[in-house]
Amino acid sequence: MHTKSIKQLSTLLQNKEISAVALATHFLDRIEADNSNAFLHVDRALTLAQAAEADARIAAGTATPLTGVPIAHKDLFVTKGWRTTAGSKMLANYTSPFDATVVEKFQAAGMVTLGKVNCDEFAMGSGNENSAFGAVQNPWDKTAVPGGSSGGSAAAVAAGLTPAATGTDTGGSIRQPAAFCGITGIKPTYGRVSRFGMIAFASSLDQGGPMARSAEDCALLLTAMAGFDERDSTSLTPEQGGVAEDFSRSLDQALTGLRIGVPREYFGEGLAKDVEAAVRGALAQYEKLGATLVDISLPNTALSIPAYYMIAPAEASSNLSRYDGVRYGHRAAEYKDLQDMYKKSRAEGFGPEVQRRIMVGTYVLCHGYYDAYYLKAQKIRRLIAQDFEAVLNGPDAVCDVIIGPVAPTVAWDLGDKTDDPVANYLADIYTLSTSLAGLPGMSIPCGFGEGEKNARRPVGLQIIGNYFDEARLLNVAHQFQQVTHWHTRSPGDATAGI
């Protein structure tokens, strides 16, 4: 049951071949048996109560295609009943009095919440090793990282602990863990999905999205979660393109004539040979499906790392200033005065990576450094967006989508990069530019690494599209998945990496 797609589970539920309560119980039992530290909070009673409501909807004939299907939420989305920690000691015992808009939308569709899944603290990290509650293990190889920051979401789906999970992507935090765990994940156009109730890291970059086994599953999920939200000032209005859509509408469209841009900057120094081989193999498969490969250049790709690590920490410094030990969150047990309470509460509540980014962000926003660092980074951000516009937009566009690797390597070993934050930052080289431009991007599995160590570590294929072109991306991914088997593999398969 845990290897079935959302569509398959939906059919079973609608035909009453299984109840939502029985399905939820099945996944709760799997979580209890071994969750590899993916889940931070599970409440069986709350989950089964939602499942019973879903069964009642199905019996009454008022169900949607997602009614009764289980889902887990990244611990960055606030939820009533379940704790919301953002992977931080700062919010270790916080329970929200309201649900995030994304959570509300899935509950309105009748989905059943299994619990909250682990993440890098305040979404800051590429390996899910920055969580205050311990690292998540990659279900393909428990000595490897699952990717971050949505590593708990990716690991839970890959391990068959949930058929679906929410994630957030600031600089690649849906796509990279999806790649490392061999599942499918999509980051929509910035503003497509409401950020209301999603704990902020970098407000001009953060975007929620779905993670599941296949593009077809993600299309069903994105249809439910996208749309304008008046409570979110960054949510796109219908006039701006933030309309509700059926993202499954184009899944079966043939790819004949599709122009795929292949950025030469994504295949240079630093890309592991086994990752390149898997990606090149996927591109060859697309040619068989009728697509044409077009050599393109995104010349400012290398500048995305310094630009991102100026802009994101600056916004984090501002967003995290609210955690002062006064209103909510961790408060130091002993302090001399108010200022001492601020210092001790924040020093105790935030982990090393969060403190590092707050310090960097505060520095670049200081008088005398703003123009030299932050403003310059914003100008580079504009240049990066123009690179994409040049190849994707207007009458002179040379490609319909862009395809390349998600990360330079397969998942690295747990602990390998904990003492070298810059090495973690460099792992985001192929995903940051998409986020800086606000474009949609997704990851689908396309193979495995090579050699004794990497043969069971998945490789992800990144598909990037124009603004509001999620339906096309999902179509491109779905057609690939119709003729390949990578997305059907599970960590328990004896031949999974073959």
Protein backbone atom coordinates (compact mmCIF):
# COMPACT_ATOMS: atom_id res chain seq x y z
CA MET A 1 0.00 0.00 0.00
CA HIS A 2 2.84 2.39 0.83
CA THR A 3 4.28 2.18 -2.72
CA LYS A 4 1.04 3.15 -4.46
CA SER A 5 0.56 6.53 -6.08
CA ILE A 6 -1.90 9.14 -4.87
CA LYS A 7 -4.11 8.41 -7.87
CA GLN A 8 -4.12 4.69 -7.03
CA LEU A 9 -4.90 5.37 -3.38
CA SER A 10 -7.67 7.77 -4.39
CA THR A 11 -9.27 5.10 -6.56
CA LEU A 12 -9.14 2.57 -3.72
CA LEU A 13 -10.74 5.05 -1.34
CA GLN A 14 -13.47 6.17 -3.75
CA ASN A 15 -14.32 2.54 -4.54
CA LYS A 16 -14.40 1.82 -0.79
CA GLU A 17 -11.80 -0.94 -1.20
CA ILE A 18 -10.03 0.61 1.78
CA SER A 19 -11.11 3.16 4.36
CA ALA A 20 -9.28 6.38 5.14
CA VAL A 21 -8.94 5.19 8.75
CA ALA A 22 -7.34 1.92 7.67
CA LEU A 23 -5.02 3.75 5.26
CA ALA A 24 -3.94 6.26 7.89
CA THR A 25 -3.37 3.44 10.39
CA HIS A 26 -1.16 1.66 7.87
CA PHE A 27 1.11 4.69 7.52
CA LEU A 28 1.09 5.51 11.25
CA ASP A 29 2.25 1.96 11.97
CA ARG A 30 5.11 2.35 9.47
CA ILE A 31 6.13 5.65 11.05
CA GLU A 32 6.11 4.10 14.50
CA ALA A 33 8.24 1.17 13.34
CA ASP A 34 11.06 3.29 11.85
CA ASN A 35 10.93 6.87 10.63
CA SER A 36 14.69 7.56 10.39
CA ASN A 37 14.11 10.77 12.37
CA ALA A 38 11.95 12.11 9.53
CA PHE A 39 8.90 12.79 11.73
CA LEU A 40 9.10 15.19 14.65
CA HIS A 41 5.51 15.03 15.91
CA VAL A 42 2.80 12.42 15.35
CA ASP A 43 -0.57 12.38 17.08
CA ARG A 44 -2.45 9.19 16.22
CA ALA A 45 -5.75 10.42 17.68
CA LEU A 46 -5.74 13.64 15.66
CA THR A 47 -4.86 11.81 12.46
CA LEU A 48 -7.52 9.13 12.89
CA ALA A 49 -10.14 11.78 13.67
CA GLN A 50 -9.36 13.46 10.32
CA ALA A 51 -9.47 10.07 8.61
CA ALA A 52 -12.91 9.36 10.06
CA GLU A 53 -14.12 12.71 8.68
CA ALA A 54 -12.73 11.75 5.28
CA ASP A 55 -14.60 8.44 5.35
CA ALA A 56 -17.80 10.34 6.15
CA ARG A 57 -17.23 12.63 3.14
CA ILE A 58 -16.64 9.66 0.87
CA ALA A 59 -19.81 7.97 2.14
CA ALA A 60 -21.78 11.20 1.58
CA GLY A 61 -20.49 11.57 -1.97
CA THR A 62 -18.82 14.92 -1.30
CA ALA A 63 -15.22 13.75 -1.62
CA THR A 64 -12.51 15.26 -3.82
CA PRO A 65 -9.81 13.15 -5.54
CA LEU A 66 -7.56 13.81 -2.52
CA THR A 67 -10.06 12.99 0.22
CA GLY A 68 -8.67 10.38 2.60
CA VAL A 69 -5.15 10.48 1.14
CA PRO A 70 -2.50 10.95 3.88
CA ILE A 71 0.01 13.81 3.83
CA ALA A 72 2.84 15.04 6.06
CA HIS A 73 3.70 18.70 6.53
CA LYS A 74 7.16 20.19 6.71
CA ASP A 75 7.64 21.62 10.19
CA LEU A 76 7.72 25.11 8.70
CA PHE A 77 3.94 25.18 8.11
CA VAL A 78 2.02 26.04 11.28
CA THR A 79 -0.66 23.53 12.27
CA LYS A 80 -3.31 23.43 14.96
CA GLY A 81 -2.85 20.43 17.23
CA TRP A 82 0.61 19.43 16.03
CA ARG A 83 3.73 21.22 17.22
CA THR A 84 5.48 23.59 14.82
CA THR A 85 9.17 23.94 15.61
CA ALA A 86 10.87 24.99 12.34
CA GLY A 87 13.51 22.45 13.39
CA SER A 88 14.68 24.84 16.10
CA LYS A 89 15.08 24.83 19.85
CA MET A 90 13.70 28.37 19.66
CA LEU A 91 10.23 26.93 18.92
CA ALA A 92 10.65 23.50 20.51
CA ASN A 93 7.26 23.49 22.25
CA TYR A 94 5.30 25.89 20.05
CA THR A 95 1.77 24.92 18.99
CA SER A 96 0.06 27.31 16.62
CA PRO A 97 -3.52 28.51 17.24
CA PHE A 98 -4.20 28.44 13.49
CA ASP A 99 -3.34 26.53 10.32
CA ALA A 100 -1.21 27.77 7.45
CA THR A 101 -3.18 28.42 4.25
CA VAL A 102 -1.53 25.42 2.58
CA VAL A 103 -2.61 23.18 5.46
CA GLU A 104 -6.13 24.62 5.28
CA LYS A 105 -6.34 23.94 1.56
CA PHE A 106 -5.34 20.30 1.92
CA GLN A 107 -7.75 19.82 4.81
CA ALA A 108 -10.51 21.38 2.70
CA ALA A 109 -9.71 18.79 0.05
CA GLY A 110 -10.07 16.08 2.70
CA MET A 111 -6.44 15.03 3.03
CA VAL A 112 -5.39 13.43 6.32
CA THR A 113 -2.41 14.86 8.21
CA LEU A 114 0.02 12.21 9.47
CA GLY A 115 2.24 14.64 11.35
CA LYS A 116 5.11 17.11 11.06
CA VAL A 117 8.40 16.25 9.39
CA ASN A 118 11.93 17.34 10.21
CA CYS A 119 13.82 20.12 8.43
CA ASP A 120 16.95 22.21 8.71
CA GLU A 121 16.49 24.89 11.35
CA PHE A 122 14.38 27.69 9.86
CA ALA A 123 15.02 26.04 6.47
CA MET A 124 18.72 26.94 6.54
CA GLY A 125 20.76 24.07 5.16
CA SER A 126 21.41 21.67 2.32
CA GLY A 127 21.69 18.40 4.20
CA ASN A 128 19.05 18.42 6.96
CA GLU A 129 21.86 18.23 9.50
CA ASN A 130 21.06 21.64 11.00
CA SER A 131 17.89 20.51 12.77
CA ALA A 132 17.96 20.98 16.53
CA PHE A 133 16.34 17.54 16.76
CA GLY A 134 18.99 15.60 14.89
CA ALA A 135 19.75 14.77 11.29
CA VAL A 136 17.35 12.86 9.05
CA GLN A 137 18.70 9.70 7.46
CA ASN A 138 18.40 9.09 3.73
CA PRO A 139 16.29 5.93 3.33
CA TRP A 140 18.36 4.82 0.34
CA ASP A 141 21.55 4.87 2.41
CA LYS A 142 21.29 5.75 6.07
CA THR A 143 24.87 6.97 6.12
CA ALA A 144 23.94 9.72 3.63
CA VAL A 145 22.15 13.05 4.01
CA PRO A 146 18.62 13.30 2.55
CA GLY A 147 19.23 16.86 1.35
CA GLY A 148 17.77 20.00 2.79
CA SER A 149 16.05 21.85 4.01
CA SER A 150 13.00 19.69 3.18
CA GLY A 151 14.91 16.50 3.94
CA GLY A 152 12.30 15.13 6.32
CA SER A 153 9.61 15.52 3.65
CA ALA A 154 11.71 13.84 0.96
CA ALA A 155 12.88 11.00 3.22
CA ALA A 156 9.34 10.31 4.45
CA VAL A 157 7.99 10.00 0.90
CA ALA A 158 10.94 7.89 -0.30
CA ALA A 159 10.66 5.55 2.70
CA GLY A 160 6.94 4.99 2.13
CA LEU A 161 5.95 6.70 5.38
CA THR A 162 3.59 9.03 3.51
CA PRO A 163 2.45 9.26 -0.11
CA ALA A 164 2.81 13.05 -0.10
CA ALA A 165 4.47 15.86 1.81
CA THR A 166 4.72 19.60 1.71
CA GLY A 167 8.07 21.29 1.31
CA THR A 168 9.46 24.79 0.99
CA ASP A 169 12.07 25.99 -1.45
CA THR A 170 14.17 29.12 -0.81
CA GLY A 171 17.26 28.23 -2.82
CA GLY A 172 16.58 24.62 -3.81
CA SER A 173 15.11 23.10 -0.66
CA ILE A 174 12.43 21.10 -2.48
CA ARG A 175 14.43 20.15 -5.55
CA GLN A 176 17.68 19.09 -3.91
CA PRO A 177 16.22 16.74 -1.27
CA ALA A 178 13.85 15.34 -3.91
CA ALA A 179 16.93 14.57 -6.01
CA PHE A 180 18.88 13.01 -3.14
CA CYS A 181 15.93 10.82 -2.11
CA GLY A 182 14.78 9.79 -5.59
CA ILE A 183 11.32 11.38 -5.53
CA THR A 184 9.55 14.17 -7.42
CA GLY A 185 9.20 17.72 -6.11
CA ILE A 186 8.20 21.04 -7.66
CA LYS A 187 8.87 24.65 -6.66
CA PRO A 188 6.15 26.78 -8.26
CA THR A 189 6.51 30.32 -9.57
CA TYR A 190 7.11 32.69 -6.65
CA GLY A 191 3.74 33.82 -5.32
CA ARG A 192 1.75 30.86 -6.68
CA VAL A 193 1.39 29.23 -3.26
CA SER A 194 0.45 31.20 -0.16
CA ARG A 195 3.16 31.88 2.39
CA PHE A 196 0.62 32.68 5.12
CA GLY A 197 1.43 30.47 8.10
CA MET A 198 4.75 29.37 6.57
CA ILE A 199 7.52 30.39 8.97
CA ALA A 200 9.69 32.89 7.08
CA PHE A 201 13.35 32.48 6.23
CA ALA A 202 13.81 34.84 3.23
CA SER A 203 10.51 36.41 2.26
CA SER A 204 11.36 37.28 -1.35
CA LEU A 205 12.52 33.72 -2.03
CA ASP A 206 10.49 31.29 0.12
CA GLN A 207 7.91 29.25 -1.78
CA GLY A 208 5.92 26.18 -0.78
CA GLY A 209 5.43 23.18 -3.05
CA PRO A 210 4.47 19.50 -3.11
CA MET A 211 6.69 16.41 -2.90
CA ALA A 212 5.53 12.94 -3.96
CA ARG A 213 6.58 9.91 -5.96
CA SER A 214 5.58 11.15 -9.41
CA ALA A 215 4.79 14.22 -11.49
CA GLU A 216 1.18 13.08 -11.74
CA ASP A 217 0.93 13.05 -7.94
CA CYS A 218 2.54 16.51 -7.71
CA ALA A 219 0.08 17.87 -10.27
CA LEU A 220 -2.86 16.75 -8.12
CA LEU A 221 -1.29 18.29 -5.02
CA LEU A 222 -0.32 21.58 -6.65
CA THR A 223 -3.85 21.99 -8.01
CA ALA A 224 -5.13 21.87 -4.44
CA MET A 225 -2.51 24.11 -2.82
CA ALA A 226 -2.02 26.93 -5.34
CA GLY A 227 -4.11 30.09 -5.63
CA PHE A 228 -4.42 33.67 -4.42
CA ASP A 229 -4.55 34.34 -0.69
CA GLU A 230 -5.45 37.83 0.50
CA ARG A 231 -3.69 37.15 3.82
CA ASP A 232 -0.33 36.91 2.04
CA SER A 233 0.98 40.18 0.63
CA THR A 234 3.30 38.28 -1.73
CA SER A 235 0.52 36.07 -3.11
CA LEU A 236 -0.13 36.67 -6.81
CA THR A 237 -3.58 38.07 -7.55
CA PRO A 238 -5.68 36.65 -10.41
CA GLU A 239 -4.74 39.74 -12.45
CA GLN A 240 -1.07 38.93 -11.88
CA GLY A 241 -1.51 35.32 -12.91
CA GLY A 242 -2.28 33.77 -9.53
CA VAL A 243 -5.34 31.88 -10.71
CA ALA A 244 -6.50 28.42 -9.68
CA GLU A 245 -5.54 25.85 -12.30
CA ASP A 246 -5.81 22.16 -13.06
CA PHE A 247 -2.12 21.33 -13.30
CA SER A 248 -2.96 17.83 -14.59
CA ARG A 249 -4.51 19.19 -17.77
CA SER A 250 -1.45 18.76 -20.01
CA LEU A 251 0.12 15.62 -18.57
CA ASP A 252 -0.62 13.44 -21.60
CA GLN A 253 0.52 15.94 -24.23
CA ALA A 254 3.24 14.58 -26.55
CA LEU A 255 6.66 16.22 -26.44
CA THR A 256 7.17 16.35 -30.21
CA GLY A 257 8.78 19.67 -31.07
CA LEU A 258 9.65 20.57 -27.47
CA ARG A 259 12.82 22.66 -27.30
CA ILE A 260 15.00 21.80 -24.32
CA GLY A 261 17.68 24.29 -23.34
CA VAL A 262 20.83 22.66 -22.00
CA PRO A 263 22.92 25.26 -20.11
CA ARG A 264 26.62 24.79 -20.69
CA GLU A 265 27.29 26.34 -17.27
CA TYR A 266 25.55 23.35 -15.63
CA PHE A 267 27.96 20.85 -17.18
CA GLY A 268 31.34 22.34 -16.38
CA GLU A 269 33.91 21.87 -13.67
CA GLY A 270 32.53 20.49 -10.42
CA LEU A 271 29.83 18.25 -11.91
CA ALA A 272 30.44 14.62 -10.91
CA LYS A 273 30.83 12.21 -13.81
CA ASP A 274 28.13 9.83 -12.56
CA VAL A 275 25.63 12.68 -12.20
CA GLU A 276 26.45 13.96 -15.68
CA ALA A 277 26.06 10.47 -17.15
CA ALA A 278 22.59 10.07 -15.62
CA VAL A 279 21.49 13.53 -16.79
CA ARG A 280 22.86 12.99 -20.31
CA GLY A 281 21.01 9.68 -20.42
CA ALA A 282 17.77 11.45 -19.52
CA LEU A 283 18.34 14.07 -22.21
CA ALA A 284 18.84 11.29 -24.76
CA GLN A 285 15.52 9.81 -23.65
CA TYR A 286 13.84 13.15 -24.26
CA GLU A 287 15.21 13.18 -27.80
CA LYS A 288 13.56 9.80 -28.32
CA LEU A 289 10.29 11.37 -27.15
CA GLY A 290 10.54 13.98 -29.91
CA ALA A 291 12.25 16.86 -28.13
CA THR A 292 15.13 18.87 -29.54
CA LEU A 293 18.18 19.82 -27.45
CA VAL A 294 19.39 23.42 -27.72
CA ASP A 295 22.75 24.58 -26.36
CA ILE A 296 22.20 27.70 -24.24
CA SER A 297 24.19 29.90 -21.89
CA LEU A 298 23.17 31.30 -18.51
CA PRO A 299 26.32 33.37 -18.01
CA ASN A 300 25.61 34.68 -14.53
CA THR A 301 25.02 31.26 -12.96
CA ALA A 302 28.23 31.37 -10.92
CA LEU A 303 27.16 34.67 -9.36
CA SER A 304 24.01 33.12 -7.91
CA ILE A 305 25.87 31.80 -4.85
CA PRO A 306 27.33 35.12 -3.64
CA ALA A 307 24.11 36.97 -4.54
CA TYR A 308 21.90 34.47 -2.72
CA TYR A 309 24.12 34.38 0.37
CA MET A 310 23.84 38.17 0.65
CA ILE A 311 20.09 38.47 0.03
CA ALA A 312 18.80 35.44 1.95
CA PRO A 313 20.76 36.12 5.18
CA ALA A 314 19.76 39.79 5.06
CA GLU A 315 16.08 38.84 4.94
CA ALA A 316 16.63 36.15 7.58
CA SER A 317 18.21 38.70 9.90
CA SER A 318 15.06 40.79 9.67
CA ASN A 319 12.57 37.90 9.87
CA LEU A 320 14.22 36.21 12.84
CA SER A 321 14.50 39.37 14.90
CA ARG A 322 11.02 38.61 16.28
CA TYR A 323 12.39 35.65 18.27
CA ASP A 324 13.52 37.59 21.31
CA GLY A 325 12.26 35.49 24.23
CA VAL A 326 9.51 37.97 25.06
CA ARG A 327 6.34 36.99 23.22
CA TYR A 328 6.88 33.35 22.35
CA GLY A 329 9.70 30.93 21.76
CA HIS A 330 12.65 29.98 23.91
CA ARG A 331 13.50 32.20 26.89
CA ALA A 332 16.70 31.80 28.88
CA ALA A 333 16.15 30.50 32.41
CA GLU A 334 18.52 33.02 34.01
CA TYR A 335 19.32 36.60 33.01
CA LYS A 336 20.23 39.92 34.64
CA ASP A 337 18.09 42.34 32.64
CA LEU A 338 16.09 42.66 29.41
CA GLN A 339 19.11 42.99 27.17
CA ASP A 340 20.77 40.01 28.80
CA MET A 341 17.57 38.02 28.28
CA TYR A 342 17.60 38.86 24.56
CA LYS A 343 21.21 37.80 24.18
CA LYS A 344 20.96 34.56 26.13
CA SER A 345 17.59 33.51 24.69
CA ARG A 346 18.78 33.95 21.11
CA ALA A 347 22.19 32.39 21.77
CA GLU A 348 20.55 29.33 23.34
CA GLY A 349 17.59 29.12 20.96
CA PHE A 350 19.34 29.43 17.60
CA GLY A 351 21.79 26.87 16.24
CA PRO A 352 25.21 27.69 14.69
CA GLU A 353 24.05 27.98 11.06
CA VAL A 354 21.14 30.26 11.92
CA GLN A 355 23.41 32.45 14.04
CA ARG A 356 25.94 32.56 11.20
CA ARG A 357 23.34 33.74 8.68
CA ILE A 358 21.85 36.30 11.06
CA MET A 359 25.33 37.77 11.58
CA VAL A 360 26.07 37.88 7.85
CA GLY A 361 22.65 39.36 7.11
CA THR A 362 22.94 42.03 9.77
CA TYR A 363 26.39 42.96 8.52
CA VAL A 364 25.35 43.44 4.87
CA LEU A 365 22.42 45.61 5.96
CA CYS A 366 24.57 47.89 8.11
CA HIS A 367 25.11 51.50 7.11
CA GLY A 368 28.21 51.65 4.96
CA TYR A 369 27.87 48.08 3.69
CA TYR A 370 24.32 48.10 2.27
CA ASP A 371 25.36 49.57 -1.10
CA ALA A 372 28.52 47.51 -1.35
CA TYR A 373 26.88 44.14 -0.64
CA TYR A 374 23.09 43.96 -0.44
CA LEU A 375 22.26 46.45 -3.20
CA LYS A 376 24.89 44.95 -5.50
CA ALA A 377 23.48 41.46 -4.86
CA GLN A 378 20.02 42.69 -5.86
CA LYS A 379 21.45 44.05 -9.13
CA ILE A 380 23.07 40.68 -9.83
CA ARG A 381 19.71 39.05 -9.09
CA ARG A 382 18.21 41.12 -11.90
CA LEU A 383 20.97 40.02 -14.29
CA ILE A 384 20.33 36.37 -13.42
CA ALA A 385 16.63 36.79 -14.16
CA GLN A 386 17.51 38.43 -17.48
CA ASP A 387 19.61 35.39 -18.42
CA PHE A 388 16.50 33.22 -18.15
CA GLU A 389 14.29 35.76 -19.89
CA ALA A 390 16.66 35.86 -22.85
CA VAL A 391 16.24 32.15 -23.60
CA LEU A 392 12.65 31.54 -22.41
CA ASN A 393 10.68 34.71 -23.17
CA GLY A 394 9.41 36.55 -26.21
CA PRO A 395 9.71 36.00 -29.95
CA ASP A 396 13.45 35.33 -29.73
CA ALA A 397 13.11 32.55 -27.17
CA VAL A 398 15.26 29.57 -28.09
CA CYS A 399 13.80 26.97 -25.72
CA ASP A 400 10.57 26.00 -23.96
CA VAL A 401 12.15 24.48 -20.84
CA ILE A 402 15.64 24.16 -19.41
CA ILE A 403 17.00 20.83 -18.20
CA GLY A 404 20.12 19.98 -16.26
CA PRO A 405 21.33 18.48 -12.98
CA VAL A 406 19.84 19.44 -9.62
CA ALA A 407 23.11 19.11 -7.69
CA PRO A 408 26.76 18.57 -8.64
CA THR A 409 26.95 15.24 -6.79
CA VAL A 410 24.74 12.58 -5.27
CA ALA A 411 24.02 12.82 -1.54
CA TRP A 412 27.14 13.10 0.59
CA ASP A 413 27.84 11.26 3.84
CA LEU A 414 26.30 12.47 7.09
CA GLY A 415 28.85 14.69 8.81
CA ASP A 416 30.97 15.26 5.70
CA LYS A 417 30.25 18.97 5.40
CA THR A 418 29.14 19.98 8.88
CA ASP A 419 32.46 21.75 9.54
CA ASP A 420 32.52 23.48 6.15
CA PRO A 421 29.44 25.65 5.59
CA VAL A 422 30.78 26.97 2.28
CA ALA A 423 30.85 23.42 0.87
CA ASN A 424 27.16 23.18 1.71
CA TYR A 425 26.50 26.49 -0.04
CA LEU A 426 28.30 25.35 -3.21
CA ALA A 427 26.01 22.32 -3.45
CA ASP A 428 23.18 24.72 -4.43
CA ILE A 429 24.91 26.07 -7.54
CA TYR A 430 22.27 24.77 -10.00
CA THR A 431 19.17 25.63 -7.98
CA LEU A 432 19.82 29.11 -6.58
CA SER A 433 19.47 31.03 -9.82
CA THR A 434 15.95 29.69 -10.42
CA SER A 435 14.88 30.86 -6.98
CA LEU A 436 16.49 34.27 -7.41
CA ALA A 437 14.56 34.69 -10.67
CA GLY A 438 11.30 33.45 -9.10
CA LEU A 439 10.87 30.80 -11.80
CA PRO A 440 9.24 27.37 -11.36
CA GLY A 441 11.55 24.38 -11.21
CA MET A 442 11.26 20.73 -10.32
CA SER A 443 13.29 17.60 -9.73
CA ILE A 444 12.55 14.09 -10.96
CA PRO A 445 14.69 10.96 -10.45
CA CYS A 446 16.76 9.95 -13.48
CA GLY A 447 19.25 7.38 -12.20
CA PHE A 448 21.79 6.54 -9.53
CA GLY A 449 25.40 7.27 -8.82
CA GLU A 450 28.22 4.93 -9.75
CA GLY A 451 30.66 2.90 -7.70
CA GLU A 452 30.19 0.85 -4.57
CA LYS A 453 29.45 3.86 -2.40
CA ASN A 454 27.09 5.79 -4.68
CA ALA A 455 25.23 3.02 -6.49
CA ARG A 456 22.22 3.39 -4.19
CA ARG A 457 22.22 7.18 -4.07
CA PRO A 458 19.74 8.76 -6.53
CA VAL A 459 20.40 11.44 -9.14
CA GLY A 460 17.85 14.16 -9.80
CA LEU A 461 17.00 15.84 -13.11
CA GLN A 462 16.08 19.52 -12.88
CA ILE A 463 13.41 20.97 -15.19
CA ILE A 464 13.04 24.77 -15.22
CA GLY A 465 10.31 26.70 -17.02
CA ASN A 466 8.95 30.15 -17.68
CA TYR A 467 6.76 31.97 -15.16
CA PHE A 468 3.39 30.25 -14.61
CA ASP A 469 4.49 27.30 -16.77
CA GLU A 470 4.10 24.61 -14.08
CA ALA A 471 1.64 22.61 -16.20
CA ARG A 472 4.24 22.29 -18.96
CA LEU A 473 6.96 21.26 -16.49
CA LEU A 474 4.70 18.58 -15.05
CA ASN A 475 3.87 17.39 -18.57
CA VAL A 476 7.58 17.16 -19.46
CA ALA A 477 8.26 15.24 -16.24
CA HIS A 478 5.24 12.96 -16.62
CA GLN A 479 6.12 11.95 -20.18
CA PHE A 480 9.62 10.99 -19.05
CA GLN A 481 8.16 8.96 -16.20
CA GLN A 482 5.88 7.10 -18.59
CA VAL A 483 8.89 5.55 -20.33
CA THR A 484 11.31 5.22 -17.40
CA HIS A 485 11.18 3.45 -14.07
CA TRP A 486 13.31 5.59 -11.74
CA HIS A 487 10.33 7.12 -9.92
CA THR A 488 8.86 3.68 -9.18
CA ARG A 489 11.94 2.43 -7.34
CA SER A 490 11.86 2.17 -3.54
CA PRO A 491 14.73 1.87 -1.05
CA GLY A 492 13.61 -1.66 -0.23
CA ASP A 493 14.01 -2.89 -3.79
CA ALA A 494 16.90 -5.32 -4.16
CA THR A 495 17.72 -3.92 -7.62
CA ALA A 496 16.82 -0.31 -6.88
CA GLY A 497 20.11 1.12 -8.06
CA ILE A 498 20.37 -0.98 -11.22
